[in-house]
Protein backbone atom coordinates (compact mmCIF):
# COMPACT_ATOMS: atom_id res chain seq x y z
CA MET A 1 0.00 0.00 0.00
CA LYS A 2 1.40 3.37 -1.01
CA PRO A 3 0.22 6.21 1.27
CA VAL A 4 -0.83 9.52 -0.23
CA SER A 5 1.65 12.35 0.27
CA PRO A 6 0.82 14.14 3.56
CA GLN A 7 1.42 17.62 2.14
CA LEU A 8 -1.93 17.31 0.34
CA ALA A 9 -3.90 17.22 3.62
CA ALA A 10 -5.46 20.74 3.52
CA VAL A 11 -9.23 20.48 3.08
CA LEU A 12 -10.44 21.85 -0.26
CA THR A 13 -13.05 24.55 -0.66
CA GLU A 14 -15.69 23.96 -3.34
CA PRO A 15 -14.05 26.38 -5.84
CA GLU A 16 -10.68 24.70 -5.25
CA LEU A 17 -12.28 21.29 -5.76
CA ARG A 18 -13.81 22.42 -9.05
CA THR A 19 -10.48 23.83 -10.27
CA LEU A 20 -8.65 20.58 -9.48
CA LEU A 21 -11.40 18.47 -11.07
CA GLU A 22 -11.27 20.50 -14.27
CA ARG A 23 -7.51 20.02 -14.44
CA TYR A 24 -7.83 16.32 -13.63
CA ARG A 25 -10.41 15.76 -16.36
CA ARG A 26 -8.33 17.66 -18.93
CA GLU A 27 -5.19 15.68 -18.16
CA ASN A 28 -6.62 12.18 -17.72
CA TRP A 29 -9.68 12.22 -19.98
CA ARG A 30 -8.47 14.22 -22.99
CA GLY A 31 -9.49 12.47 -26.20
CA ILE A 32 -11.78 10.15 -24.25
CA GLN A 33 -14.68 12.49 -23.47
CA THR A 34 -15.63 15.69 -25.21
CA PRO A 35 -15.05 18.98 -23.31
CA GLU A 36 -18.83 19.36 -23.01
CA TRP A 37 -19.17 16.00 -21.29
CA GLN A 38 -16.22 16.73 -19.05
CA ALA A 39 -17.81 19.99 -17.91
CA ARG A 40 -21.08 18.20 -17.12
CA ILE A 41 -19.27 15.50 -15.15
CA VAL A 42 -17.33 18.07 -13.12
CA ASP A 43 -20.65 19.74 -12.23
CA ASP A 44 -22.06 16.36 -11.17
CA ILE A 45 -19.02 15.53 -9.03
CA VAL A 46 -19.02 18.90 -7.28
CA SER A 47 -22.72 18.54 -6.42
CA ASP A 48 -22.42 14.84 -5.45
CA LYS A 49 -22.75 14.44 -1.68
CA GLY A 50 -21.96 10.73 -1.83
CA GLU A 51 -25.40 9.63 -0.64
CA GLY A 52 -26.31 7.39 -3.58
CA THR A 53 -24.95 4.16 -2.10
CA PHE A 54 -26.83 4.72 1.17
CA GLU A 55 -30.03 5.12 -0.82
CA GLN A 56 -29.44 1.94 -2.83
CA LEU A 57 -28.69 -0.13 0.28
CA ALA A 58 -31.74 1.13 2.19
CA GLY A 59 -34.06 -1.79 2.92
CA VAL A 60 -31.48 -4.31 1.72
CA TRP A 61 -28.68 -4.09 4.29
CA ASN A 62 -28.45 -2.19 7.56
CA PHE A 63 -25.32 -0.26 8.51
CA PRO A 64 -24.03 -1.36 11.94
CA GLU A 65 -23.06 1.27 14.47
CA ASN A 66 -19.57 2.67 13.83
CA ALA A 67 -19.37 0.67 10.60
CA ALA A 68 -15.98 0.04 9.00
CA ILE A 69 -16.19 0.68 5.26
CA LEU A 70 -13.79 0.16 2.37
CA ASP A 71 -14.44 1.92 -0.94
CA ILE A 72 -12.48 0.16 -3.68
CA GLY A 73 -11.90 2.61 -6.51
CA SER A 74 -12.79 5.57 -4.32
CA GLY A 75 -12.27 8.14 -7.07
CA VAL A 76 -12.25 11.69 -5.74
CA GLY A 77 -13.63 10.54 -2.38
CA ALA A 78 -17.33 11.51 -2.40
CA PHE A 79 -18.60 8.32 -0.75
CA VAL A 80 -15.79 8.09 1.81
CA SER A 81 -16.44 11.74 2.71
CA ALA A 82 -20.16 11.02 3.17
CA CYS A 83 -19.40 8.05 5.42
CA ARG A 84 -17.01 10.13 7.52
CA ARG A 85 -19.65 12.82 7.96
CA ARG A 86 -21.92 10.10 9.38
CA GLY A 87 -19.25 9.05 11.88
CA MET A 88 -18.28 5.84 10.09
CA ARG A 89 -14.73 4.53 9.77
CA ALA A 90 -14.39 4.72 6.00
CA PHE A 91 -11.28 4.22 3.87
CA GLY A 92 -10.63 4.37 0.14
CA ILE A 93 -8.15 2.88 -2.28
CA GLU A 94 -7.49 3.90 -5.86
CA PRO A 95 -4.81 3.00 -8.43
CA ASP A 96 -2.28 5.69 -9.22
CA ARG A 97 -3.29 6.29 -12.84
CA ILE A 98 -6.32 5.99 -15.11
CA GLY A 99 -7.14 7.14 -18.62
CA GLN A 100 -4.29 9.12 -20.17
CA GLY A 101 -2.32 9.10 -16.90
CA GLY A 102 -1.97 12.82 -16.14
CA SER A 103 0.21 14.24 -13.38
CA LEU A 104 -2.82 14.91 -11.15
CA THR A 105 -4.64 11.81 -9.87
CA SER A 106 -8.08 11.37 -8.37
CA ILE A 107 -6.68 10.07 -5.10
CA GLN A 108 -4.63 13.25 -4.68
CA ILE A 109 -7.87 15.22 -4.93
CA ALA A 110 -9.68 12.84 -2.56
CA SER A 111 -6.96 13.18 0.07
CA ARG A 112 -7.62 16.92 0.26
CA ARG A 113 -11.34 16.54 0.96
CA ILE A 114 -10.89 14.95 4.39
CA GLU A 115 -8.68 15.97 7.30
CA HIS A 116 -7.63 12.40 8.10
CA HIS A 117 -5.34 10.23 5.96
CA VAL A 118 -7.84 7.60 4.84
CA PHE A 119 -6.88 7.09 1.18
CA ALA A 120 -4.13 4.92 -0.25
CA ILE A 121 -2.81 3.94 -3.66
CA ALA A 122 -3.61 0.25 -4.11
CA THR A 123 -5.51 -2.13 -6.40
CA GLY A 124 -8.48 -4.33 -5.68
CA GLU A 125 -6.55 -7.45 -6.64
CA HIS A 126 -4.22 -6.98 -3.65
CA LEU A 127 -5.98 -5.29 -0.74
CA PRO A 128 -3.59 -4.19 2.02
CA PHE A 129 -5.98 -5.14 4.84
CA ARG A 130 -6.47 -8.06 7.22
CA ASP A 131 -9.17 -10.71 6.81
CA ARG A 132 -12.65 -9.73 8.04
CA SER A 133 -11.80 -6.06 8.58
CA PHE A 134 -14.85 -4.32 7.08
CA ASP A 135 -18.63 -4.32 7.45
CA LEU A 136 -19.14 -2.96 3.94
CA VAL A 137 -16.99 -3.05 0.81
CA THR A 138 -18.15 -0.91 -2.11
CA MET A 139 -17.16 -1.06 -5.77
CA ASN A 140 -19.08 1.68 -7.55
CA GLN A 141 -18.21 1.79 -11.27
CA VAL A 142 -15.02 -0.17 -10.59
CA MET A 143 -15.40 -3.76 -11.82
CA GLU A 144 -15.09 -2.71 -15.45
CA HIS A 145 -11.72 -1.09 -14.74
CA VAL A 146 -9.92 -3.95 -12.99
CA SER A 147 -7.68 -6.45 -14.73
CA ASP A 148 -8.90 -9.51 -12.80
CA GLN A 149 -12.54 -9.24 -11.75
CA LYS A 150 -12.57 -12.63 -10.03
CA ALA A 151 -9.53 -11.76 -7.90
CA VAL A 152 -10.98 -8.39 -6.90
CA LEU A 153 -14.25 -9.91 -5.77
CA LYS A 154 -12.40 -12.65 -3.90
CA GLU A 155 -10.30 -10.03 -2.10
CA ALA A 156 -13.40 -8.02 -1.21
CA ALA A 157 -14.92 -11.18 0.27
CA ARG A 158 -11.73 -11.91 2.20
CA VAL A 159 -11.75 -8.57 4.05
CA LEU A 160 -15.51 -8.71 4.74
CA LYS A 161 -16.84 -9.45 8.22
CA PRO A 162 -19.63 -12.01 8.79
CA GLY A 163 -22.92 -10.24 8.21
CA GLY A 164 -21.16 -7.69 6.02
CA ALA A 165 -22.02 -6.73 2.44
CA ILE A 166 -20.30 -6.01 -0.85
CA TYR A 167 -22.01 -3.38 -3.01
CA ILE A 168 -21.28 -3.64 -6.74
CA ALA A 169 -22.40 -1.20 -9.43
CA CYS A 170 -21.00 -1.27 -12.96
CA PRO A 171 -22.07 -0.85 -16.60
CA ASN A 172 -23.92 -3.49 -18.57
CA TYR A 173 -21.95 -3.99 -21.79
CA LEU A 174 -24.85 -5.73 -23.48
CA ARG A 175 -26.21 -2.26 -24.23
CA PHE A 176 -25.52 -0.30 -27.43
CA TYR A 177 -23.60 2.33 -25.48
CA GLU A 178 -20.15 2.96 -24.02
CA PRO A 179 -20.65 4.95 -20.78
CA HIS A 180 -17.10 6.31 -20.49
CA TYR A 181 -16.73 7.60 -24.05
CA LYS A 182 -20.45 8.51 -24.12
CA ILE A 183 -20.94 7.10 -27.60
CA PHE A 184 -22.83 4.37 -29.47
CA TRP A 185 -21.20 0.99 -28.94
CA PHE A 186 -21.95 -2.54 -30.10
CA PRO A 187 -22.45 -4.99 -27.23
CA LEU A 188 -19.18 -6.67 -26.21
CA LEU A 189 -17.43 -5.18 -29.23
CA PRO A 190 -14.01 -6.86 -29.69
CA LYS A 191 -11.29 -4.53 -28.46
CA PHE A 192 -9.26 -4.46 -31.68
CA ILE A 193 -12.34 -3.31 -33.60
CA GLY A 194 -13.20 -0.89 -30.79
CA ARG A 195 -9.77 0.76 -31.04
CA LEU A 196 -10.21 1.28 -34.79
CA TYR A 197 -13.71 2.63 -34.25
CA LEU A 198 -12.53 5.09 -31.58
CA ARG A 199 -9.67 6.38 -33.73
CA ALA A 200 -12.10 6.84 -36.64
CA ARG A 201 -14.19 9.04 -34.34
CA GLY A 202 -11.16 11.01 -33.22
CA ARG A 203 -11.02 9.43 -29.76
CA SER A 204 -8.13 7.97 -27.82
CA PRO A 205 -8.35 4.20 -27.13
CA ALA A 206 -6.29 4.62 -23.92
CA LEU A 207 -9.23 3.96 -21.60
CA LEU A 208 -10.62 1.10 -23.69
CA ASN A 209 -7.34 -0.73 -23.10
CA GLN A 210 -8.07 -0.50 -19.35
CA ILE A 211 -11.67 -1.75 -19.52
CA SER A 212 -12.91 -5.29 -18.85
CA TYR A 213 -16.47 -5.81 -20.07
CA THR A 214 -19.10 -6.39 -17.38
CA THR A 215 -22.60 -7.84 -17.70
CA ASN A 216 -25.33 -8.81 -15.27
CA SER A 217 -24.78 -12.53 -15.81
CA ARG A 218 -20.99 -12.29 -15.48
CA VAL A 219 -21.14 -10.43 -12.17
CA ARG A 220 -23.74 -12.88 -10.88
CA VAL A 221 -21.53 -15.86 -11.81
CA LEU A 222 -18.50 -14.26 -10.15
CA ALA A 223 -20.50 -13.56 -6.99
CA GLY A 224 -21.87 -17.10 -7.01
CA GLY A 225 -18.31 -18.42 -7.10
CA LEU A 226 -17.61 -16.99 -3.65
CA GLY A 227 -19.29 -19.96 -1.98
CA SER A 228 -22.43 -20.93 -0.13
CA GLN A 229 -21.79 -18.50 2.74
CA PHE A 230 -22.48 -15.59 0.39
CA ALA A 231 -25.93 -14.58 -0.90
CA THR A 232 -26.39 -12.32 -3.94
CA ILE A 233 -29.18 -9.76 -4.27
CA ASP A 234 -29.74 -8.28 -7.73
CA LEU A 235 -31.12 -4.82 -6.91
CA HIS A 236 -32.52 -4.19 -10.40
CA ARG A 237 -34.29 -7.56 -10.33
CA GLU A 238 -35.75 -6.88 -6.87
CA LYS A 239 -36.96 -3.41 -7.87
CA PHE A 240 -38.59 -4.81 -11.01
CA LEU A 241 -40.38 -7.57 -9.08
CA LYS A 242 -41.59 -5.07 -6.48
CA LYS A 243 -42.93 -2.78 -9.19
CA CYS A 244 -44.68 -5.73 -10.82
CA GLN A 245 -46.29 -6.59 -7.51
CA HIS A 246 -47.65 -3.08 -7.07
CA GLY A 247 -48.09 -2.14 -10.75
CA ALA A 248 -45.89 0.90 -10.15
CA PHE A 249 -44.65 1.50 -13.71
CA LEU A 250 -44.94 4.78 -15.60
CA SER A 251 -44.99 3.41 -19.15
CA LEU A 252 -48.05 1.65 -20.57
CA ARG A 253 -45.94 -1.19 -21.99
CA ALA A 254 -44.33 -1.89 -18.62
CA ARG A 255 -47.72 -1.85 -16.90
CA MET A 256 -49.03 -4.38 -19.41
CA VAL A 257 -46.07 -6.67 -18.76
CA SER A 258 -46.66 -6.24 -15.04
CA ARG A 259 -50.27 -7.39 -15.40
CA MET A 260 -49.22 -10.36 -17.54
CA THR A 261 -46.78 -11.56 -14.86
CA ARG A 262 -49.78 -12.12 -12.58
CA LEU A 263 -51.67 -14.32 -15.07
CA PRO A 264 -52.25 -17.94 -13.99
CA ALA A 265 -50.17 -20.66 -15.68
CA ILE A 266 -48.07 -18.36 -17.86
CA GLY A 267 -47.25 -15.59 -15.37
CA SER A 268 -44.02 -17.21 -14.16
CA MET A 269 -42.77 -17.71 -17.71
CA ILE A 270 -43.49 -14.07 -18.56
CA THR A 271 -41.69 -12.96 -15.41
CA SER A 272 -38.62 -15.04 -16.33
CA ALA A 273 -38.63 -13.67 -19.88
CA ALA A 274 -39.00 -10.08 -18.60
CA LEU A 275 -36.11 -10.53 -16.17
CA ARG A 276 -33.90 -11.96 -18.91
CA PHE A 277 -34.78 -9.04 -21.18
CA LEU A 278 -34.03 -6.64 -18.32
CA SER A 279 -30.59 -8.19 -17.80
CA TRP A 280 -29.80 -7.55 -21.47
CA THR A 281 -31.10 -4.01 -21.76
CA GLU A 282 -30.57 -2.51 -18.29
CA GLY A 283 -28.06 0.33 -18.35
CA GLY A 284 -26.10 -0.99 -15.41
CA VAL A 285 -25.48 -3.87 -13.05
CA GLU A 286 -26.24 -3.33 -9.36
CA MET A 287 -25.86 -6.09 -6.79
CA VAL A 288 -25.32 -6.64 -3.09
CA VAL A 289 -23.43 -9.70 -1.87
CA VAL A 290 -24.02 -10.52 1.81
CA ARG A 291 -21.73 -12.72 3.87
CA ASN A 292 -23.84 -14.95 6.08
CA SER A 293 -21.00 -16.51 8.04
């Protein structure tokens, strides 16, 4: 584990955070995202209070008092900061470089958002923590960036306490969209074709070389490989089933499908088909893996 330089400990003001984020995006994401997209993302990051993960886990897993939390791929530290504001013992790790590999890294920015030294340069494949150290391990938009997804998930499980949870959110690469480049993309497009396609559109393939495709079924298989002491909850699946139960869909088509899932004899088949379709078309993967023992 490589600690972050202590001279970066001064807490940032919001204008200082924005200035650093703009520089970080220019250096690391040039040629990957358009300037317009980068400006929008900086706005989103500045306004992000890190509460999204709490909202997603509500009703699924309860935070214990004085919870110990590890955020793998902590980015610029929004979630760790939110946990610290709630009095939780939260820590974040992040690799030293991403994208084009500029001189300013996200973990340097994160380290200046909190008074304590809670961030370190490390990878998910080799976590510098003891077994059963954390109540919650989060990987928000991380699994697609690691070189060995199975090893990262195994390491997350290793450092998880009994009764603890792993929160996973990542893109679904069965969609016709690449969420980092913000462009049309064929599902699971072979990388050598993807590099040619990106260059034809005037984009740098630097980030594509760092991406490992993720899908709902792949993440589910990886989670299932952790063993019988772990239970996987597909949050998108659970939300869909709950909406079907209550008919709480906005679109007419979805409401019709919801009614059909309650038909005798064929309802279960329609539900299975709808869930399979959802796993193909859903914009992202979102799961919670709970350690029972």
